[in-house]
């Protein structure tokens, strides 16, 4: 283990340092995401589940994906 000492909890990420820890993330609602587009022209269909952007190409139903996205352009 390269000199790292594991604890008994089974979570050994801390023993290897921050480069092996999961990146921080923050869950946001679609309304909160829309705030990132303030001052921009949001393109249809807006901030929606990602499969709504290309429903003809998505292998999954939109309701099974928990990722939202949006595209905008400068006015």
N, C-alpha and C. Protein backbone atom coordinates (compact mmCIF):
# COMPACT_ATOMS: atom_id res chain seq x y z
N UNK A 1 0.81 -1.19 0.00
CA UNK A 1 0.00 0.00 0.00
C UNK A 1 0.85 1.26 0.00
N UNK A 2 2.07 1.19 -0.39
CA UNK A 2 2.93 2.37 -0.51
C UNK A 2 3.08 3.14 0.79
N UNK A 3 3.09 2.46 1.91
CA UNK A 3 3.30 3.13 3.18
C UNK A 3 2.06 3.75 3.78
N UNK A 4 0.92 3.68 3.10
CA UNK A 4 -0.31 4.26 3.63
C UNK A 4 -0.93 3.29 4.62
N UNK A 5 -1.54 3.83 5.64
CA UNK A 5 -2.17 3.02 6.67
C UNK A 5 -3.68 3.14 6.52
N UNK A 6 -4.34 2.01 6.38
CA UNK A 6 -5.80 2.01 6.24
C UNK A 6 -6.45 1.93 7.60
N UNK A 7 -7.62 2.53 7.72
CA UNK A 7 -8.37 2.40 8.97
C UNK A 7 -9.33 1.23 8.87
N UNK A 8 -10.04 0.95 9.95
CA UNK A 8 -10.94 -0.19 9.98
C UNK A 8 -12.30 0.09 9.35
N UNK A 9 -12.56 1.32 8.93
CA UNK A 9 -13.88 1.66 8.41
C UNK A 9 -14.11 1.14 6.99
N UNK A 10 -13.05 0.74 6.32
CA UNK A 10 -13.17 0.29 4.94
C UNK A 10 -13.04 1.41 3.94
N UNK A 11 -13.01 2.65 4.40
CA UNK A 11 -12.86 3.80 3.51
C UNK A 11 -11.40 4.23 3.55
N UNK A 12 -10.64 3.82 2.56
CA UNK A 12 -9.20 4.05 2.55
C UNK A 12 -8.79 5.28 1.76
N UNK A 13 -9.76 6.05 1.24
CA UNK A 13 -9.39 7.19 0.41
C UNK A 13 -8.52 8.19 1.15
N UNK A 14 -8.81 8.47 2.41
CA UNK A 14 -8.04 9.45 3.16
C UNK A 14 -6.60 9.01 3.36
N UNK A 15 -6.35 7.72 3.40
CA UNK A 15 -5.00 7.22 3.59
C UNK A 15 -4.11 7.53 2.39
N UNK A 16 -4.70 7.73 1.24
CA UNK A 16 -3.91 7.98 0.04
C UNK A 16 -3.84 9.45 -0.34
N UNK A 17 -4.50 10.31 0.38
CA UNK A 17 -4.42 11.73 0.10
C UNK A 17 -5.55 12.22 -0.78
N UNK A 18 -5.63 13.55 -0.95
CA UNK A 18 -6.75 14.15 -1.67
C UNK A 18 -6.82 13.76 -3.14
N UNK A 19 -5.72 13.36 -3.76
CA UNK A 19 -5.77 13.01 -5.17
C UNK A 19 -6.61 11.76 -5.44
N UNK A 20 -6.94 11.00 -4.39
CA UNK A 20 -7.74 9.79 -4.55
C UNK A 20 -9.15 9.95 -3.99
N UNK A 21 -9.49 11.12 -3.53
CA UNK A 21 -10.82 11.34 -3.00
C UNK A 21 -11.77 11.74 -4.12
N UNK A 22 -13.03 11.49 -3.91
CA UNK A 22 -14.03 11.86 -4.90
C UNK A 22 -14.14 13.37 -4.99
N UNK A 23 -14.37 13.90 -6.19
CA UNK A 23 -14.53 15.36 -6.31
C UNK A 23 -15.82 15.81 -5.63
N UNK A 24 -15.80 17.00 -5.10
CA UNK A 24 -16.99 17.56 -4.46
C UNK A 24 -18.02 17.88 -5.54
N UNK A 25 -19.28 17.73 -5.21
CA UNK A 25 -20.34 18.11 -6.13
C UNK A 25 -21.50 18.68 -5.33
N UNK A 26 -22.33 19.41 -6.00
CA UNK A 26 -23.47 20.04 -5.35
C UNK A 26 -24.71 19.76 -6.20
N UNK A 27 -25.74 19.25 -5.57
CA UNK A 27 -27.00 19.01 -6.26
C UNK A 27 -27.77 20.32 -6.35
N UNK A 28 -28.30 20.61 -7.54
CA UNK A 28 -29.07 21.83 -7.75
C UNK A 28 -30.35 21.49 -8.48
N UNK A 29 -31.38 22.27 -8.21
CA UNK A 29 -32.66 22.11 -8.89
C UNK A 29 -32.56 22.73 -10.28
N UNK A 30 -33.48 22.39 -11.19
CA UNK A 30 -33.48 23.05 -12.50
C UNK A 30 -33.60 24.57 -12.39
N UNK A 31 -34.39 25.05 -11.42
CA UNK A 31 -34.50 26.51 -11.24
C UNK A 31 -33.16 27.13 -10.84
N UNK A 32 -32.42 26.45 -9.98
CA UNK A 32 -31.10 26.95 -9.58
C UNK A 32 -30.15 26.94 -10.78
N UNK A 33 -30.24 25.92 -11.61
CA UNK A 33 -29.38 25.86 -12.80
C UNK A 33 -29.70 26.99 -13.76
N UNK A 34 -30.97 27.32 -13.89
CA UNK A 34 -31.35 28.42 -14.79
C UNK A 34 -30.68 29.72 -14.38
N UNK A 35 -30.39 29.88 -13.10
CA UNK A 35 -29.70 31.08 -12.63
C UNK A 35 -28.33 31.27 -13.25
N UNK A 36 -27.69 30.19 -13.67
CA UNK A 36 -26.38 30.30 -14.32
C UNK A 36 -26.49 30.93 -15.71
N UNK A 37 -27.69 30.97 -16.25
CA UNK A 37 -27.90 31.49 -17.60
C UNK A 37 -28.41 32.93 -17.59
N UNK A 38 -28.42 33.59 -16.44
CA UNK A 38 -28.89 34.96 -16.34
C UNK A 38 -28.09 35.86 -17.29
N UNK A 39 -28.80 36.65 -18.08
CA UNK A 39 -28.15 37.56 -19.03
C UNK A 39 -27.84 36.91 -20.36
N UNK A 40 -28.18 35.64 -20.51
CA UNK A 40 -27.95 34.92 -21.77
C UNK A 40 -29.29 34.52 -22.36
N UNK A 41 -29.30 34.23 -23.66
CA UNK A 41 -30.52 33.73 -24.32
C UNK A 41 -30.51 32.22 -24.24
N UNK A 42 -31.39 31.67 -23.40
CA UNK A 42 -31.50 30.23 -23.23
C UNK A 42 -32.15 29.63 -24.47
N UNK A 43 -31.52 28.63 -25.03
CA UNK A 43 -32.01 27.96 -26.25
C UNK A 43 -33.04 26.90 -25.87
N UNK A 44 -34.11 26.76 -26.66
CA UNK A 44 -35.10 25.71 -26.43
C UNK A 44 -34.46 24.34 -26.59
N UNK A 45 -34.77 23.41 -25.73
CA UNK A 45 -35.89 23.36 -24.81
C UNK A 45 -35.59 23.91 -23.42
N UNK A 46 -34.50 24.62 -23.22
CA UNK A 46 -34.18 25.21 -21.93
C UNK A 46 -33.39 24.28 -21.04
N UNK A 47 -33.54 24.45 -19.74
CA UNK A 47 -32.88 23.58 -18.76
C UNK A 47 -33.82 22.41 -18.51
N UNK A 48 -33.45 21.27 -19.06
CA UNK A 48 -34.30 20.08 -19.04
C UNK A 48 -33.42 18.85 -18.81
N UNK A 49 -34.03 17.68 -18.52
CA UNK A 49 -33.22 16.46 -18.47
C UNK A 49 -32.45 16.31 -19.78
N UNK A 50 -31.20 15.92 -19.68
CA UNK A 50 -30.31 15.88 -20.85
C UNK A 50 -30.91 15.13 -22.04
N UNK A 51 -31.60 13.99 -21.87
CA UNK A 51 -32.15 13.31 -23.04
C UNK A 51 -33.18 14.12 -23.82
N UNK A 52 -33.76 15.16 -23.22
CA UNK A 52 -34.72 16.01 -23.95
C UNK A 52 -34.03 16.80 -25.06
N UNK A 53 -32.73 16.95 -24.96
CA UNK A 53 -32.03 17.70 -26.00
C UNK A 53 -31.97 16.95 -27.31
N UNK A 54 -31.80 15.66 -27.25
CA UNK A 54 -31.77 14.84 -28.47
C UNK A 54 -32.59 13.58 -28.23
N UNK A 55 -33.91 13.71 -28.05
CA UNK A 55 -34.73 12.55 -27.70
C UNK A 55 -34.68 11.44 -28.73
N UNK A 56 -34.43 11.81 -29.99
CA UNK A 56 -34.36 10.80 -31.04
C UNK A 56 -33.10 9.94 -30.92
N UNK A 57 -32.07 10.41 -30.23
CA UNK A 57 -30.81 9.67 -30.09
C UNK A 57 -30.63 9.05 -28.71
N UNK A 58 -31.48 9.40 -27.76
CA UNK A 58 -31.29 8.93 -26.39
C UNK A 58 -31.76 7.49 -26.24
N UNK A 59 -30.89 6.61 -25.69
CA UNK A 59 -31.31 5.23 -25.47
C UNK A 59 -32.15 5.07 -24.20
N UNK A 60 -32.27 6.13 -23.39
CA UNK A 60 -32.98 6.04 -22.12
C UNK A 60 -34.16 7.00 -22.11
N UNK A 61 -35.26 6.62 -21.45
CA UNK A 61 -36.37 7.56 -21.28
C UNK A 61 -35.91 8.75 -20.44
N UNK A 62 -36.38 9.96 -20.75
CA UNK A 62 -35.92 11.16 -20.04
C UNK A 62 -36.11 11.10 -18.53
N UNK A 63 -37.14 10.42 -18.06
CA UNK A 63 -37.41 10.38 -16.62
C UNK A 63 -36.44 9.49 -15.86
N UNK A 64 -35.58 8.73 -16.55
CA UNK A 64 -34.63 7.86 -15.86
C UNK A 64 -33.27 8.49 -15.69
N UNK A 65 -33.09 9.69 -16.19
CA UNK A 65 -31.80 10.38 -16.12
C UNK A 65 -31.90 11.53 -15.13
N UNK A 66 -30.98 11.58 -14.18
CA UNK A 66 -31.00 12.63 -13.16
C UNK A 66 -30.02 13.75 -13.46
N UNK A 67 -29.72 13.99 -14.72
CA UNK A 67 -28.81 15.07 -15.10
C UNK A 67 -29.59 16.08 -15.95
N UNK A 68 -29.43 17.33 -15.61
CA UNK A 68 -30.08 18.40 -16.35
C UNK A 68 -29.02 19.21 -17.08
N UNK A 69 -29.41 19.77 -18.21
CA UNK A 69 -28.48 20.60 -18.96
C UNK A 69 -29.22 21.70 -19.69
N UNK A 70 -28.47 22.65 -20.15
CA UNK A 70 -29.03 23.76 -20.91
C UNK A 70 -27.94 24.37 -21.78
N UNK A 71 -28.38 25.04 -22.81
CA UNK A 71 -27.45 25.72 -23.73
C UNK A 71 -27.97 27.14 -23.91
N UNK A 72 -27.05 28.09 -23.92
CA UNK A 72 -27.44 29.49 -24.11
C UNK A 72 -26.38 30.18 -24.97
N UNK A 73 -26.76 31.33 -25.46
CA UNK A 73 -25.79 32.15 -26.23
C UNK A 73 -25.87 33.58 -25.75
N UNK A 74 -24.81 34.29 -25.99
CA UNK A 74 -24.79 35.71 -25.64
C UNK A 74 -25.76 36.45 -26.53
N UNK A 75 -26.50 37.41 -25.96
CA UNK A 75 -27.45 38.18 -26.79
C UNK A 75 -26.73 39.10 -27.77
